Amino acid sequence: MWGLKGTVLLDETAEYARALGVRGVPTNLVVDEAGIVRALGVSRLDELERAIDGMLHR
């Protein structure tokens, strides 16, 4: 959809959720190529699109 290639992480043990303080599921995270979390908790499509556009400086 956004022309991105990458990995989708399924956190089955909740290890990453605990580390990031996630309290509800599902929770989307946008992580850049350096591993920096750029958005946490974006759930609506418009929020996700804004987060990705911001990360890509569009």
C-alpha atoms as a PDB file:
ATOM      1  CA  MET A   1       0.000   0.000   0.000  1.00  0.00           C
ATOM      2  CA  TRP A   2       2.764   2.482   0.887  1.00  0.00           C
ATOM      3  CA  GLY A   3       5.495   0.889  -1.208  1.00  0.00           C
ATOM      4  CA  LEU A   4       7.317  -0.308   1.891  1.00  0.00           C
ATOM      5  CA  LYS A   5       9.139  -3.576   2.332  1.00  0.00           C
ATOM      6  CA  GLY A   6       9.808  -4.929   5.761  1.00  0.00           C
ATOM      7  CA  THR A   7       8.966  -7.276   8.531  1.00  0.00           C
ATOM      8  CA  VAL A   8       5.708  -7.566  10.424  1.00  0.00           C
ATOM      9  CA  LEU A   9       6.335  -8.622  14.011  1.00  0.00           C
ATOM     10  CA  LEU A  10       3.815 -10.783  15.817  1.00  0.00           C
ATOM     11  CA  ASP A  11       4.670 -10.426  19.505  1.00  0.00           C
ATOM     12  CA  GLU A  12       3.298 -13.774  20.712  1.00  0.00           C
ATOM     13  CA  THR A  13       5.078 -13.646  24.089  1.00  0.00           C
ATOM     14  CA  ALA A  14       4.257  -9.938  24.685  1.00  0.00           C
ATOM     15  CA  GLU A  15       7.962  -9.262  25.320  1.00  0.00           C
ATOM     16  CA  TYR A  16       7.996  -6.158  23.127  1.00  0.00           C
ATOM     17  CA  ALA A  17       4.611  -4.970  24.374  1.00  0.00           C
ATOM     18  CA  ARG A  18       5.899  -4.983  27.957  1.00  0.00           C
ATOM     19  CA  ALA A  19       9.108  -3.187  26.959  1.00  0.00           C
ATOM     20  CA  LEU A  20       7.118  -0.448  25.181  1.00  0.00           C
ATOM     21  CA  GLY A  21       4.376  -0.146  27.795  1.00  0.00           C
ATOM     22  CA  VAL A  22       1.605  -1.310  25.470  1.00  0.00           C
ATOM     23  CA  ARG A  23      -1.628  -1.804  27.403  1.00  0.00           C
ATOM     24  CA  GLY A  24      -4.123  -2.839  24.739  1.00  0.00           C
ATOM     25  CA  VAL A  25      -4.155  -4.981  21.669  1.00  0.00           C
ATOM     26  CA  PRO A  26      -4.004  -4.729  18.815  1.00  0.00           C
ATOM     27  CA  THR A  27      -1.494  -1.886  18.878  1.00  0.00           C
ATOM     28  CA  ASN A  28       0.332  -0.783  15.762  1.00  0.00           C
ATOM     29  CA  LEU A  29       3.843   0.583  15.831  1.00  0.00           C
ATOM     30  CA  VAL A  30       5.675   2.324  13.045  1.00  0.00           C
ATOM     31  CA  VAL A  31       9.407   1.618  13.295  1.00  0.00           C
ATOM     32  CA  ASP A  32      11.954   3.177  10.972  1.00  0.00           C
ATOM     33  CA  GLU A  33      14.897   1.419   9.334  1.00  0.00           C
ATOM     34  CA  ALA A  34      17.140   2.283  12.292  1.00  0.00           C
ATOM     35  CA  GLY A  35      14.748   0.571  14.713  1.00  0.00           C
ATOM     36  CA  ILE A  36      13.399   3.820  16.173  1.00  0.00           C
ATOM     37  CA  VAL A  37       9.704   3.768  17.079  1.00  0.00           C
ATOM     38  CA  ARG A  38       8.117   6.641  15.144  1.00  0.00           C
ATOM     39  CA  ALA A  39       4.488   6.039  16.120  1.00  0.00           C
ATOM     40  CA  LEU A  40       2.780   3.941  18.778  1.00  0.00           C
ATOM     41  CA  GLY A  41      -0.881   3.075  19.011  1.00  0.00           C
ATOM     42  CA  VAL A  42      -1.976   4.259  15.595  1.00  0.00           C
ATOM     43  CA  SER A  43      -5.112   2.278  14.842  1.00  0.00           C
ATOM     44  CA  ARG A  44      -7.158   4.163  12.274  1.00  0.00           C
ATOM     45  CA  LEU A  45      -6.023   4.056   8.663  1.00  0.00           C
ATOM     46  CA  ASP A  46      -5.658   7.849   8.482  1.00  0.00           C
ATOM     47  CA  GLU A  47      -3.414   7.818  11.592  1.00  0.00           C
ATOM     48  CA  LEU A  48      -1.286   5.060  10.134  1.00  0.00           C
ATOM     49  CA  GLU A  49      -0.976   6.862   6.807  1.00  0.00           C
ATOM     50  CA  ARG A  50       0.081  10.108   8.539  1.00  0.00           C
ATOM     51  CA  ALA A  51       2.664   8.256  10.645  1.00  0.00           C
ATOM     52  CA  ILE A  52       4.160   6.520   7.616  1.00  0.00           C
ATOM     53  CA  ASP A  53       4.132   9.690   5.521  1.00  0.00           C
ATOM     54  CA  GLY A  54       5.860  11.547   8.368  1.00  0.00           C
ATOM     55  CA  MET A  55       8.482   8.833   8.702  1.00  0.00           C
ATOM     56  CA  LEU A  56       9.126   8.977   4.957  1.00  0.00           C
ATOM     57  CA  HIS A  57       9.095  12.823   4.996  1.00  0.00           C
ATOM     58  CA  ARG A  58       6.249  13.018   2.444  1.00  0.00           C
END
